[in-house]
Amino acid sequence: EKITMDYNAKRQNDMHQRIVEEIVNEALHRNIENRIFVQGIVII
C-alpha cells in the first residue's frame, strides 16, 4: 500500500535555500555576476 506523505522535503528545502541566498547576497551587495549560490541538501 502507498500512502502520500504530507510534506515534500525537497520543496521545503528549496524555499529555505532561496531565502538564505537572497539574504546573503543582499547583505553583501552581490549581483548576478558575483552572486553566492546556496546549495540545498536533504539528509535522512
PDB file of all heavy atoms in Angstrom:
ATOM      1  N   GLU A   1       0.833  -1.194   0.000  1.00  0.00           N
ATOM      2  CA  GLU A   1       0.000   0.000   0.000  1.00  0.00           C
ATOM      3  C   GLU A   1       0.875   1.255   0.000  1.00  0.00           C
ATOM      4  O   GLU A   1       1.889   1.327   0.678  1.00  0.00           O
ATOM      5  CB  GLU A   1      -0.909   0.014   1.233  1.00  0.00           C
ATOM      6  CG  GLU A   1      -1.822   1.233   1.304  1.00  0.00           C
ATOM      7  CD  GLU A   1      -2.633   1.280   2.585  1.00  0.00           C
ATOM      8  OE1 GLU A   1      -2.490   0.358   3.417  1.00  0.00           O
ATOM      9  OE2 GLU A   1      -3.403   2.249   2.759  1.00  0.00           O
ATOM     10  N   LYS A   2       0.458   2.256  -0.808  1.00  0.00           N
ATOM     11  CA  LYS A   2       1.193   3.511  -0.899  1.00  0.00           C
ATOM     12  C   LYS A   2       0.394   4.626  -0.218  1.00  0.00           C
ATOM     13  O   LYS A   2      -0.797   4.766  -0.459  1.00  0.00           O
ATOM     14  CB  LYS A   2       1.455   3.881  -2.358  1.00  0.00           C
ATOM     15  CG  LYS A   2       2.401   2.930  -3.078  1.00  0.00           C
ATOM     16  CD  LYS A   2       2.716   3.415  -4.483  1.00  0.00           C
ATOM     17  CE  LYS A   2       3.702   2.470  -5.186  1.00  0.00           C
ATOM     18  NZ  LYS A   2       4.054   2.955  -6.538  1.00  0.00           N
ATOM     19  N   ILE A   3       1.075   5.393   0.627  1.00  0.00           N
ATOM     20  CA  ILE A   3       0.442   6.498   1.341  1.00  0.00           C
ATOM     21  C   ILE A   3       1.243   7.765   1.054  1.00  0.00           C
ATOM     22  O   ILE A   3       2.442   7.826   1.337  1.00  0.00           O
ATOM     23  CB  ILE A   3       0.402   6.243   2.862  1.00  0.00           C
ATOM     24  CG1 ILE A   3      -0.371   4.953   3.162  1.00  0.00           C
ATOM     25  CG2 ILE A   3      -0.228   7.427   3.583  1.00  0.00           C
ATOM     26  CD1 ILE A   3      -0.349   4.572   4.635  1.00  0.00           C
ATOM     27  N   THR A   4       0.577   8.764   0.481  1.00  0.00           N
ATOM     28  CA  THR A   4       1.257  10.019   0.175  1.00  0.00           C
ATOM     29  C   THR A   4       1.604  10.741   1.471  1.00  0.00           C
ATOM     30  O   THR A   4       0.754  10.929   2.334  1.00  0.00           O
ATOM     31  CB  THR A   4       0.368  10.921  -0.698  1.00  0.00           C
ATOM     32  OG1 THR A   4       0.091  10.241  -1.935  1.00  0.00           O
ATOM     33  CG2 THR A   4       1.063  12.239  -1.011  1.00  0.00           C
ATOM     34  N   MET A   5       2.841  11.134   1.609  1.00  0.00           N
ATOM     35  CA  MET A   5       3.294  11.824   2.821  1.00  0.00           C
ATOM     36  C   MET A   5       2.919  13.300   2.715  1.00  0.00           C
ATOM     37  O   MET A   5       2.869  13.867   1.618  1.00  0.00           O
ATOM     38  CB  MET A   5       4.802  11.630   2.996  1.00  0.00           C
ATOM     39  CG  MET A   5       5.194  10.161   3.033  1.00  0.00           C
ATOM     40  SD  MET A   5       6.974   9.847   3.075  1.00  0.00           S
ATOM     41  CE  MET A   5       7.317  10.109   4.806  1.00  0.00           C
ATOM     42  N   ASP A   6       2.652  13.917   3.863  1.00  0.00           N
ATOM     43  CA  ASP A   6       2.112  15.270   3.873  1.00  0.00           C
ATOM     44  C   ASP A   6       3.183  16.349   3.778  1.00  0.00           C
ATOM     45  O   ASP A   6       2.936  17.494   4.123  1.00  0.00           O
ATOM     46  CB  ASP A   6       1.252  15.490   5.124  1.00  0.00           C
ATOM     47  CG  ASP A   6       2.042  15.306   6.414  1.00  0.00           C
ATOM     48  OD1 ASP A   6       3.232  14.957   6.316  1.00  0.00           O
ATOM     49  OD2 ASP A   6       1.465  15.510   7.494  1.00  0.00           O
ATOM     50  N   TYR A   7       4.367  15.997   3.340  1.00  0.00           N
ATOM     51  CA  TYR A   7       5.379  17.018   3.148  1.00  0.00           C
ATOM     52  C   TYR A   7       6.290  16.613   1.994  1.00  0.00           C
ATOM     53  O   TYR A   7       6.374  15.455   1.614  1.00  0.00           O
ATOM     54  CB  TYR A   7       6.206  17.239   4.413  1.00  0.00           C
ATOM     55  CG  TYR A   7       7.043  16.052   4.822  1.00  0.00           C
ATOM     56  CD1 TYR A   7       8.304  15.821   4.258  1.00  0.00           C
ATOM     57  CD2 TYR A   7       6.574  15.138   5.747  1.00  0.00           C
ATOM     58  CE1 TYR A   7       9.054  14.722   4.621  1.00  0.00           C
ATOM     59  CE2 TYR A   7       7.317  14.035   6.104  1.00  0.00           C
ATOM     60  CZ  TYR A   7       8.554  13.843   5.547  1.00  0.00           C
ATOM     61  OH  TYR A   7       9.296  12.753   5.887  1.00  0.00           O
ATOM     62  N   ASN A   8       6.955  17.594   1.441  1.00  0.00           N
ATOM     63  CA  ASN A   8       7.929  17.367   0.390  1.00  0.00           C
ATOM     64  C   ASN A   8       9.217  18.038   0.848  1.00  0.00           C
ATOM     65  O   ASN A   8       9.326  19.263   0.833  1.00  0.00           O
ATOM     66  CB  ASN A   8       7.426  17.968  -0.933  1.00  0.00           C
ATOM     67  CG  ASN A   8       8.361  17.684  -2.089  1.00  0.00           C
ATOM     68  OD1 ASN A   8       9.572  17.829  -1.969  1.00  0.00           O
ATOM     69  ND2 ASN A   8       7.801  17.298  -3.213  1.00  0.00           N
ATOM     70  N   ALA A   9      10.166  17.227   1.299  1.00  0.00           N
ATOM     71  CA  ALA A   9      11.390  17.774   1.898  1.00  0.00           C
ATOM     72  C   ALA A   9      12.173  18.628   0.910  1.00  0.00           C
ATOM     73  O   ALA A   9      12.742  19.655   1.283  1.00  0.00           O
ATOM     74  CB  ALA A   9      12.257  16.636   2.414  1.00  0.00           C
ATOM     75  N   LYS A  10      12.180  18.227  -0.355  1.00  0.00           N
ATOM     76  CA  LYS A  10      12.948  18.994  -1.349  1.00  0.00           C
ATOM     77  C   LYS A  10      12.304  20.356  -1.587  1.00  0.00           C
ATOM     78  O   LYS A  10      12.990  21.379  -1.641  1.00  0.00           O
ATOM     79  CB  LYS A  10      13.038  18.225  -2.666  1.00  0.00           C
ATOM     80  CG  LYS A  10      13.879  18.953  -3.708  1.00  0.00           C
ATOM     81  CD  LYS A  10      13.964  18.204  -5.003  1.00  0.00           C
ATOM     82  CE  LYS A  10      14.882  18.927  -5.985  1.00  0.00           C
ATOM     83  NZ  LYS A  10      14.466  20.333  -6.226  1.00  0.00           N
ATOM     84  N   ARG A  11      10.972  20.373  -1.720  1.00  0.00           N
ATOM     85  CA  ARG A  11      10.284  21.642  -1.933  1.00  0.00           C
ATOM     86  C   ARG A  11      10.495  22.574  -0.740  1.00  0.00           C
ATOM     87  O   ARG A  11      10.713  23.765  -0.888  1.00  0.00           O
ATOM     88  CB  ARG A  11       8.797  21.395  -2.167  1.00  0.00           C
ATOM     89  CG  ARG A  11       8.033  22.660  -2.586  1.00  0.00           C
ATOM     90  CD  ARG A  11       6.560  22.372  -2.789  1.00  0.00           C
ATOM     91  NE  ARG A  11       6.379  21.379  -3.830  1.00  0.00           N
ATOM     92  CZ  ARG A  11       5.635  20.287  -3.692  1.00  0.00           C
ATOM     93  NH1 ARG A  11       5.022  20.049  -2.539  1.00  0.00           N
ATOM     94  NH2 ARG A  11       5.500  19.429  -4.680  1.00  0.00           N
ATOM     95  N   GLN A  12      10.435  21.991   0.449  1.00  0.00           N
ATOM     96  CA  GLN A  12      10.651  22.768   1.661  1.00  0.00           C
ATOM     97  C   GLN A  12      12.063  23.342   1.684  1.00  0.00           C
ATOM     98  O   GLN A  12      12.272  24.524   1.983  1.00  0.00           O
ATOM     99  CB  GLN A  12      10.419  21.879   2.888  1.00  0.00           C
ATOM    100  CG  GLN A  12      10.563  22.578   4.221  1.00  0.00           C
ATOM    101  CD  GLN A  12      10.366  21.623   5.393  1.00  0.00           C
ATOM    102  OE1 GLN A  12      10.388  20.406   5.224  1.00  0.00           O
ATOM    103  NE2 GLN A  12      10.166  22.162   6.570  1.00  0.00           N
ATOM    104  N   ASN A  13      13.043  22.512   1.336  1.00  0.00           N
ATOM    105  CA  ASN A  13      14.432  22.964   1.366  1.00  0.00           C
ATOM    106  C   ASN A  13      14.728  23.947   0.241  1.00  0.00           C
ATOM    107  O   ASN A  13      15.583  24.825   0.402  1.00  0.00           O
ATOM    108  CB  ASN A  13      15.372  21.763   1.274  1.00  0.00           C
ATOM    109  CG  ASN A  13      16.762  22.091   1.779  1.00  0.00           C
ATOM    110  OD1 ASN A  13      16.933  22.909   2.673  1.00  0.00           O
ATOM    111  ND2 ASN A  13      17.766  21.469   1.201  1.00  0.00           N
ATOM    112  N   ASP A  14      14.038  23.818  -0.885  1.00  0.00           N
ATOM    113  CA  ASP A  14      14.221  24.784  -1.973  1.00  0.00           C
ATOM    114  C   ASP A  14      13.864  26.189  -1.514  1.00  0.00           C
ATOM    115  O   ASP A  14      14.551  27.168  -1.855  1.00  0.00           O
ATOM    116  CB  ASP A  14      13.356  24.407  -3.180  1.00  0.00           C
ATOM    117  CG  ASP A  14      13.909  23.220  -3.956  1.00  0.00           C
ATOM    118  OD1 ASP A  14      15.082  22.856  -3.719  1.00  0.00           O
ATOM    119  OD2 ASP A  14      13.178  22.654  -4.786  1.00  0.00           O
ATOM    120  N   MET A  15      12.777  26.303  -0.734  1.00  0.00           N
ATOM    121  CA  MET A  15      12.385  27.607  -0.201  1.00  0.00           C
ATOM    122  C   MET A  15      13.438  28.128   0.773  1.00  0.00           C
ATOM    123  O   MET A  15      13.826  29.298   0.719  1.00  0.00           O
ATOM    124  CB  MET A  15      11.031  27.505   0.507  1.00  0.00           C
ATOM    125  CG  MET A  15      10.536  28.838   1.048  1.00  0.00           C
ATOM    126  SD  MET A  15       9.071  28.706   2.098  1.00  0.00           S
ATOM    127  CE  MET A  15       9.784  27.987   3.589  1.00  0.00           C
ATOM    128  N   HIS A  16      13.926  27.257   1.667  1.00  0.00           N
ATOM    129  CA  HIS A  16      14.967  27.655   2.614  1.00  0.00           C
ATOM    130  C   HIS A  16      16.220  28.130   1.879  1.00  0.00           C
ATOM    131  O   HIS A  16      16.819  29.146   2.234  1.00  0.00           O
ATOM    132  CB  HIS A  16      15.335  26.476   3.520  1.00  0.00           C
ATOM    133  CG  HIS A  16      14.203  26.014   4.388  1.00  0.00           C
ATOM    134  ND1 HIS A  16      14.284  24.878   5.163  1.00  0.00           N
ATOM    135  CD2 HIS A  16      12.970  26.533   4.607  1.00  0.00           C
ATOM    136  CE1 HIS A  16      13.145  24.730   5.830  1.00  0.00           C
ATOM    137  NE2 HIS A  16      12.338  25.704   5.501  1.00  0.00           N
ATOM    138  N   GLN A  17      16.588  27.364   0.868  1.00  0.00           N
ATOM    139  CA  GLN A  17      17.774  27.681   0.068  1.00  0.00           C
ATOM    140  C   GLN A  17      17.647  29.066  -0.565  1.00  0.00           C
ATOM    141  O   GLN A  17      18.580  29.874  -0.520  1.00  0.00           O
ATOM    142  CB  GLN A  17      17.922  26.603  -1.001  1.00  0.00           C
ATOM    143  CG  GLN A  17      19.007  26.835  -2.020  1.00  0.00           C
ATOM    144  CD  GLN A  17      18.936  25.769  -3.109  1.00  0.00           C
ATOM    145  OE1 GLN A  17      18.328  24.722  -2.949  1.00  0.00           O
ATOM    146  NE2 GLN A  17      19.548  26.051  -4.238  1.00  0.00           N
ATOM    147  N   ARG A  18      16.483  29.353  -1.124  1.00  0.00           N
ATOM    148  CA  ARG A  18      16.258  30.645  -1.786  1.00  0.00           C
ATOM    149  C   ARG A  18      16.316  31.799  -0.786  1.00  0.00           C
ATOM    150  O   ARG A  18      16.912  32.844  -1.072  1.00  0.00           O
ATOM    151  CB  ARG A  18      14.911  30.617  -2.503  1.00  0.00           C
ATOM    152  CG  ARG A  18      14.531  31.928  -3.173  1.00  0.00           C
ATOM    153  CD  ARG A  18      13.235  31.793  -3.951  1.00  0.00           C
ATOM    154  NE  ARG A  18      12.166  31.250  -3.137  1.00  0.00           N
ATOM    155  CZ  ARG A  18      11.474  31.972  -2.235  1.00  0.00           C
ATOM    156  NH1 ARG A  18      11.774  33.258  -2.046  1.00  0.00           N
ATOM    157  NH2 ARG A  18      10.496  31.424  -1.542  1.00  0.00           N
ATOM    158  N   ILE A  19      15.711  31.606   0.402  1.00  0.00           N
ATOM    159  CA  ILE A  19      15.702  32.671   1.413  1.00  0.00           C
ATOM    160  C   ILE A  19      17.118  32.980   1.885  1.00  0.00           C
ATOM    161  O   ILE A  19      17.509  34.151   2.001  1.00  0.00           O
ATOM    162  CB  ILE A  19      14.797  32.274   2.596  1.00  0.00           C
ATOM    163  CG1 ILE A  19      13.325  32.316   2.154  1.00  0.00           C
ATOM    164  CG2 ILE A  19      15.018  33.193   3.792  1.00  0.00           C
ATOM    165  CD1 ILE A  19      12.355  31.841   3.212  1.00  0.00           C
ATOM    166  N   VAL A  20      17.906  31.935   2.174  1.00  0.00           N
ATOM    167  CA  VAL A  20      19.295  32.147   2.591  1.00  0.00           C
ATOM    168  C   VAL A  20      20.064  32.890   1.498  1.00  0.00           C
ATOM    169  O   VAL A  20      20.816  33.846   1.765  1.00  0.00           O
ATOM    170  CB  VAL A  20      19.988  30.804   2.909  1.00  0.00           C
ATOM    171  CG1 VAL A  20      21.472  31.025   3.204  1.00  0.00           C
ATOM    172  CG2 VAL A  20      19.313  30.115   4.089  1.00  0.00           C
ATOM    173  N   GLU A  21      19.869  32.461   0.269  1.00  0.00           N
ATOM    174  CA  GLU A  21      20.590  33.058  -0.860  1.00  0.00           C
ATOM    175  C   GLU A  21      20.253  34.542  -1.006  1.00  0.00           C
ATOM    176  O   GLU A  21      21.155  35.380  -1.227  1.00  0.00           O
ATOM    177  CB  GLU A  21      20.230  32.293  -2.143  1.00  0.00           C
ATOM    178  CG  GLU A  21      21.183  32.525  -3.274  1.00  0.00           C
ATOM    179  CD  GLU A  21      20.937  31.542  -4.408  1.00  0.00           C
ATOM    180  OE1 GLU A  21      21.173  30.332  -4.228  1.00  0.00           O
ATOM    181  OE2 GLU A  21      20.496  32.002  -5.485  1.00  0.00           O
ATOM    182  N   GLU A  22      18.973  34.882  -0.899  1.00  0.00           N
ATOM    183  CA  GLU A  22      18.558  36.280  -1.045  1.00  0.00           C
ATOM    184  C   GLU A  22      19.116  37.135   0.086  1.00  0.00           C
ATOM    185  O   GLU A  22      19.617  38.242  -0.143  1.00  0.00           O
ATOM    186  CB  GLU A  22      17.029  36.377  -1.071  1.00  0.00           C
ATOM    187  CG  GLU A  22      16.370  35.740  -2.286  1.00  0.00           C
ATOM    188  CD  GLU A  22      16.757  36.418  -3.584  1.00  0.00           C
ATOM    189  OE1 GLU A  22      17.189  37.593  -3.564  1.00  0.00           O
ATOM    190  OE2 GLU A  22      16.631  35.774  -4.642  1.00  0.00           O
ATOM    191  N   ILE A  23      19.037  36.649   1.322  1.00  0.00           N
ATOM    192  CA  ILE A  23      19.528  37.420   2.474  1.00  0.00           C
ATOM    193  C   ILE A  23      21.034  37.672   2.357  1.00  0.00           C
ATOM    194  O   ILE A  23      21.511  38.800   2.549  1.00  0.00           O
ATOM    195  CB  ILE A  23      19.203  36.678   3.783  1.00  0.00           C
ATOM    196  CG1 ILE A  23      17.690  36.695   4.039  1.00  0.00           C
ATOM    197  CG2 ILE A  23      19.943  37.312   4.963  1.00  0.00           C
ATOM    198  CD1 ILE A  23      17.264  35.864   5.233  1.00  0.00           C
ATOM    199  N   VAL A  24      21.794  36.625   2.039  1.00  0.00           N
ATOM    200  CA  VAL A  24      23.254  36.739   1.957  1.00  0.00           C
ATOM    201  C   VAL A  24      23.670  37.701   0.855  1.00  0.00           C
ATOM    202  O   VAL A  24      24.515  38.598   1.065  1.00  0.00           O
ATOM    203  CB  VAL A  24      23.883  35.346   1.738  1.00  0.00           C
ATOM    204  CG1 VAL A  24      25.355  35.482   1.361  1.00  0.00           C
ATOM    205  CG2 VAL A  24      23.725  34.489   2.979  1.00  0.00           C
ATOM    206  N   ASN A  25      23.088  37.557  -0.316  1.00  0.00           N
ATOM    207  CA  ASN A  25      23.511  38.388  -1.451  1.00  0.00           C
ATOM    208  C   ASN A  25      23.071  39.843  -1.312  1.00  0.00           C
ATOM    209  O   ASN A  25      23.790  40.749  -1.741  1.00  0.00           O
ATOM    210  CB  ASN A  25      22.989  37.786  -2.754  1.00  0.00           C
ATOM    211  CG  ASN A  25      23.782  36.564  -3.190  1.00  0.00           C
ATOM    212  OD1 ASN A  25      24.909  36.663  -3.656  1.00  0.00           O
ATOM    213  ND2 ASN A  25      23.203  35.390  -2.994  1.00  0.00           N
ATOM    214  N   GLU A  26      21.918  40.065  -0.695  1.00  0.00           N
ATOM    215  CA  GLU A  26      21.510  41.450  -0.451  1.00  0.00           C
ATOM    216  C   GLU A  26      22.441  42.109   0.552  1.00  0.00           C
ATOM    217  O   GLU A  26      22.846  43.268   0.384  1.00  0.00           O
ATOM    218  CB  GLU A  26      20.063  41.497   0.053  1.00  0.00           C
ATOM    219  CG  GLU A  26      19.025  41.402  -1.045  1.00  0.00           C
ATOM    220  CD  GLU A  26      17.631  41.743  -0.553  1.00  0.00           C
ATOM    221  OE1 GLU A  26      17.516  42.322   0.558  1.00  0.00           O
ATOM    222  OE2 GLU A  26      16.661  41.454  -1.279  1.00  0.00           O
ATOM    223  N   ALA A  27      22.791  41.385   1.612  1.00  0.00           N
ATOM    224  CA  ALA A  27      23.659  41.948   2.648  1.00  0.00           C
ATOM    225  C   ALA A  27      25.056  42.244   2.112  1.00  0.00           C
ATOM    226  O   ALA A  27      25.704  43.219   2.539  1.00  0.00           O
ATOM    227  CB  ALA A  27      23.747  40.988   3.827  1.00  0.00           C
ATOM    228  N   LEU A  28      25.536  41.407   1.178  1.00  0.00           N
ATOM    229  CA  LEU A  28      26.879  41.582   0.616  1.00  0.00           C
ATOM    230  C   LEU A  28      26.868  42.391  -0.680  1.00  0.00           C
ATOM    231  O   LEU A  28      27.922  42.554  -1.317  1.00  0.00           O
ATOM    232  CB  LEU A  28      27.505  40.205   0.351  1.00  0.00           C
ATOM    233  CG  LEU A  28      27.756  39.343   1.598  1.00  0.00           C
ATOM    234  CD1 LEU A  28      28.293  37.979   1.184  1.00  0.00           C
ATOM    235  CD2 LEU A  28      28.723  40.026   2.551  1.00  0.00           C
ATOM    236  N   HIS A  29      25.692  42.873  -1.082  1.00  0.00           N
ATOM    237  CA  HIS A  29      25.533  43.672  -2.310  1.00  0.00           C
ATOM    238  C   HIS A  29      26.079  42.937  -3.529  1.00  0.00           C
ATOM    239  O   HIS A  29      26.765  43.522  -4.372  1.00  0.00           O
ATOM    240  CB  HIS A  29      26.239  45.032  -2.155  1.00  0.00           C
ATOM    241  CG  HIS A  29      25.807  45.791  -0.932  1.00  0.00           C
ATOM    242  ND1 HIS A  29      24.553  46.354  -0.791  1.00  0.00           N
ATOM    243  CD2 HIS A  29      26.473  46.056   0.240  1.00  0.00           C
ATOM    244  CE1 HIS A  29      24.460  46.940   0.384  1.00  0.00           C
ATOM    245  NE2 HIS A  29      25.613  46.774   1.039  1.00  0.00           N
ATOM    246  N   ARG A  30      25.772  41.656  -3.586  1.00  0.00           N
ATOM    247  CA  ARG A  30      26.214  40.854  -4.731  1.00  0.00           C
ATOM    248  C   ARG A  30      25.160  40.913  -5.837  1.00  0.00           C
ATOM    249  O   ARG A  30      23.954  40.961  -5.574  1.00  0.00           O
ATOM    250  CB  ARG A  30      26.407  39.395  -4.322  1.00  0.00           C
ATOM    251  CG  ARG A  30      27.502  39.171  -3.281  1.00  0.00           C
ATOM    252  CD  ARG A  30      28.893  39.412  -3.869  1.00  0.00           C
ATOM    253  NE  ARG A  30      29.951  39.056  -2.947  1.00  0.00           N
ATOM    254  CZ  ARG A  30      30.705  37.953  -3.051  1.00  0.00           C
ATOM    255  NH1 ARG A  30      30.492  37.092  -4.028  1.00  0.00           N
ATOM    256  NH2 ARG A  30      31.646  37.725  -2.170  1.00  0.00           N
ATOM    257  N   ASN A  31      25.619  40.865  -7.085  1.00  0.00           N
ATOM    258  CA  ASN A  31      24.696  40.816  -8.228  1.00  0.00           C
ATOM    259  C   ASN A  31      24.867  39.487  -8.943  1.00  0.00           C
ATOM    260  O   ASN A  31      25.559  38.579  -8.460  1.00  0.00           O
ATOM    261  CB  ASN A  31      24.929  41.998  -9.177  1.00  0.00           C
ATOM    262  CG  ASN A  31      26.388  42.060  -9.642  1.00  0.00           C
ATOM    263  OD1 ASN A  31      27.017  41.039  -9.884  1.00  0.00           O
ATOM    264  ND2 ASN A  31      26.916  43.274  -9.761  1.00  0.00           N
ATOM    265  N   ILE A  32      24.266  39.376 -10.108  1.00  0.00           N
ATOM    266  CA  ILE A  32      24.280  38.107 -10.815  1.00  0.00           C
ATOM    267  C   ILE A  32      25.679  37.680 -11.221  1.00  0.00           C
ATOM    268  O   ILE A  32      25.977  36.494 -11.369  1.00  0.00           O
ATOM    269  CB  ILE A  32      23.350  38.172 -12.066  1.00  0.00           C
ATOM    270  CG1 ILE A  32      23.118  36.783 -12.640  1.00  0.00           C
ATOM    271  CG2 ILE A  32      23.925  39.137 -13.099  1.00  0.00           C
ATOM    272  CD1 ILE A  32      22.371  35.858 -11.711  1.00  0.00           C
ATOM    273  N   GLU A  33      26.585  38.630 -11.371  1.00  0.00           N
ATOM    274  CA  GLU A  33      27.943  38.313 -11.821  1.00  0.00           C
ATOM    275  C   GLU A  33      28.784  37.681 -10.709  1.00  0.00           C
ATOM    276  O   GLU A  33      29.652  36.849 -10.989  1.00  0.00           O
ATOM    277  CB  GLU A  33      28.628  39.568 -12.357  1.00  0.00           C
ATOM    278  CG  GLU A  33      27.961  40.130 -13.615  1.00  0.00           C
ATOM    279  CD  GLU A  33      28.647  41.395 -14.091  1.00  0.00           C
ATOM    280  OE1 GLU A  33      29.569  41.863 -13.395  1.00  0.00           O
ATOM    281  OE2 GLU A  33      28.254  41.914 -15.160  1.00  0.00           O
ATOM    282  N   ASN A  34      28.563  38.102  -9.484  1.00  0.00           N
ATOM    283  CA  ASN A  34      29.370  37.551  -8.380  1.00  0.00           C
ATOM    284  C   ASN A  34      28.477  36.975  -7.275  1.00  0.00           C
ATOM    285  O   ASN A  34      28.849  36.945  -6.110  1.00  0.00           O
ATOM    286  CB  ASN A  34      30.299  38.624  -7.807  1.00  0.00           C
ATOM    287  CG  ASN A  34      29.539  39.830  -7.274  1.00  0.00           C
ATOM    288  OD1 ASN A  34      28.316  39.899  -7.388  1.00  0.00           O
ATOM    289  ND2 ASN A  34      30.269  40.779  -6.712  1.00  0.00           N
ATOM    290  N   ARG A  35      27.329  36.531  -7.664  1.00  0.00           N
ATOM    291  CA  ARG A  35      26.335  36.022  -6.723  1.00  0.00           C
ATOM    292  C   ARG A  35      26.833  34.762  -6.009  1.00  0.00           C
ATOM    293  O   ARG A  35      27.510  33.918  -6.604  1.00  0.00           O
ATOM    294  CB  ARG A  35      25.039  35.713  -7.466  1.00  0.00           C
ATOM    295  CG  ARG A  35      23.866  35.334  -6.565  1.00  0.00           C
ATOM    296  CD  ARG A  35      22.605  35.137  -7.403  1.00  0.00           C
ATOM    297  NE  ARG A  35      21.460  34.791  -6.587  1.00  0.00           N
ATOM    298  CZ  ARG A  35      20.688  35.678  -5.965  1.00  0.00           C
ATOM    299  NH1 ARG A  35      20.959  36.969  -6.068  1.00  0.00           N
ATOM    300  NH2 ARG A  35      19.660  35.297  -5.230  1.00  0.00           N
ATOM    301  N   ILE A  36      26.489  34.649  -4.731  1.00  0.00           N
ATOM    302  CA  ILE A  36      26.771  33.429  -3.964  1.00  0.00           C
ATOM    303  C   ILE A  36      25.550  32.515  -4.074  1.00  0.00           C
ATOM    304  O   ILE A  36      24.439  32.911  -3.700  1.00  0.00           O
ATOM    305  CB  ILE A  36      27.068  33.752  -2.484  1.00  0.00           C
ATOM    306  CG1 ILE A  36      28.358  34.563  -2.377  1.00  0.00           C
ATOM    307  CG2 ILE A  36      27.163  32.465  -1.658  1.00  0.00           C
ATOM    308  CD1 ILE A  36      28.648  35.029  -0.960  1.00  0.00           C
ATOM    309  N   PHE A  37      25.755  31.336  -4.583  1.00  0.00           N
ATOM    310  CA  PHE A  37      24.655  30.378  -4.743  1.00  0.00           C
ATOM    311  C   PHE A  37      24.656  29.401  -3.575  1.00  0.00           C
ATOM    312  O   PHE A  37      25.698  28.857  -3.205  1.00  0.00           O
ATOM    313  CB  PHE A  37      24.780  29.622  -6.069  1.00  0.00           C
ATOM    314  CG  PHE A  37      24.560  30.505  -7.263  1.00  0.00           C
ATOM    315  CD1 PHE A  37      25.636  31.059  -7.953  1.00  0.00           C
ATOM    316  CD2 PHE A  37      23.275  30.799  -7.685  1.00  0.00           C
ATOM    317  CE1 PHE A  37      25.430  31.881  -9.050  1.00  0.00           C
ATOM    318  CE2 PHE A  37      23.062  31.625  -8.786  1.00  0.00           C
ATOM    319  CZ  PHE A  37      24.144  32.171  -9.468  1.00  0.00           C
ATOM    320  N   VAL A  38      23.495  29.209  -3.000  1.00  0.00           N
ATOM    321  CA  VAL A  38      23.336  28.296  -1.876  1.00  0.00           C
ATOM    322  C   VAL A  38      22.821  26.958  -2.396  1.00  0.00           C
ATOM    323  O   VAL A  38      21.892  26.909  -3.205  1.00  0.00           O
ATOM    324  CB  VAL A  38      22.346  28.869  -0.834  1.00  0.00           C
ATOM    325  CG1 VAL A  38      22.112  27.881   0.305  1.00  0.00           C
ATOM    326  CG2 VAL A  38      22.862  30.202  -0.300  1.00  0.00           C
ATOM    327  N   GLN A  39      23.428  25.886  -1.936  1.00  0.00           N
ATOM    328  CA  GLN A  39      23.036  24.539  -2.349  1.00  0.00           C
ATOM    329  C   GLN A  39      22.136  23.914  -1.273  1.00  0.00           C
ATOM    330  O   GLN A  39      22.377  24.109  -0.080  1.00  0.00           O
ATOM    331  CB  GLN A  39      24.259  23.651  -2.570  1.00  0.00           C
ATOM    332  CG  GLN A  39      25.251  24.206  -3.573  1.00  0.00           C
ATOM    333  CD  GLN A  39      24.638  24.387  -4.946  1.00  0.00           C
ATOM    334  OE1 GLN A  39      23.943  23.502  -5.447  1.00  0.00           O
ATOM    335  NE2 GLN A  39      24.885  25.536  -5.566  1.00  0.00           N
ATOM    336  N   GLY A  40      21.142  23.175  -1.700  1.00  0.00           N
ATOM    337  CA  GLY A  40      20.243  22.515  -0.768  1.00  0.00           C
ATOM    338  C   GLY A  40      20.598  21.044  -0.581  1.00  0.00           C
ATOM    339  O   GLY A  40      20.926  20.349  -1.549  1.00  0.00           O
ATOM    340  N   ILE A  41      20.546  20.588   0.647  1.00  0.00           N
ATOM    341  CA  ILE A  41      20.825  19.175   0.953  1.00  0.00           C
ATOM    342  C   ILE A  41      19.712  18.646   1.851  1.00  0.00           C
ATOM    343  O   ILE A  41      19.339  19.286   2.837  1.00  0.00           O
ATOM    344  CB  ILE A  41      22.170  19.003   1.687  1.00  0.00           C
ATOM    345  CG1 ILE A  41      23.329  19.533   0.845  1.00  0.00           C
ATOM    346  CG2 ILE A  41      22.408  17.528   2.033  1.00  0.00           C
ATOM    347  CD1 ILE A  41      24.666  19.499   1.581  1.00  0.00           C
ATOM    348  N   VAL A  42      19.162  17.478   1.493  1.00  0.00           N
ATOM    349  CA  VAL A  42      18.216  16.782   2.353  1.00  0.00           C
ATOM    350  C   VAL A  42      18.932  15.558   2.913  1.00  0.00           C
ATOM    351  O   VAL A  42      19.419  14.717   2.159  1.00  0.00           O
ATOM    352  CB  VAL A  42      16.950  16.351   1.595  1.00  0.00           C
ATOM    353  CG1 VAL A  42      16.021  15.550   2.509  1.00  0.00           C
ATOM    354  CG2 VAL A  42      16.217  17.568   1.054  1.00  0.00           C
ATOM    355  N   ILE A  43      19.013  15.468   4.238  1.00  0.00           N
ATOM    356  CA  ILE A  43      19.702  14.350   4.893  1.00  0.00           C
ATOM    357  C   ILE A  43      18.677  13.469   5.591  1.00  0.00           C
ATOM    358  O   ILE A  43      17.858  13.946   6.371  1.00  0.00           O
ATOM    359  CB  ILE A  43      20.722  14.854   5.930  1.00  0.00           C
ATOM    360  CG1 ILE A  43      21.840  15.664   5.238  1.00  0.00           C
ATOM    361  CG2 ILE A  43      21.326  13.690   6.711  1.00  0.00           C
ATOM    362  CD1 ILE A  43      22.845  16.254   6.216  1.00  0.00           C
ATOM    363  N   ILE A  44      18.722  12.175   5.290  1.00  0.00           N
ATOM    364  CA  ILE A  44      17.925  11.188   6.016  1.00  0.00           C
ATOM    365  C   ILE A  44      18.831  10.615   7.102  1.00  0.00           C
ATOM    366  O   ILE A  44      19.810   9.935   6.804  1.00  0.00           O
ATOM    367  CB  ILE A  44      17.399  10.073   5.097  1.00  0.00           C
ATOM    368  CG1 ILE A  44      16.648  10.685   3.900  1.00  0.00           C
ATOM    369  CG2 ILE A  44      16.495   9.132   5.882  1.00  0.00           C
ATOM    370  CD1 ILE A  44      15.457  11.533   4.278  1.00  0.00           C
TER     371      ILE A  44
END
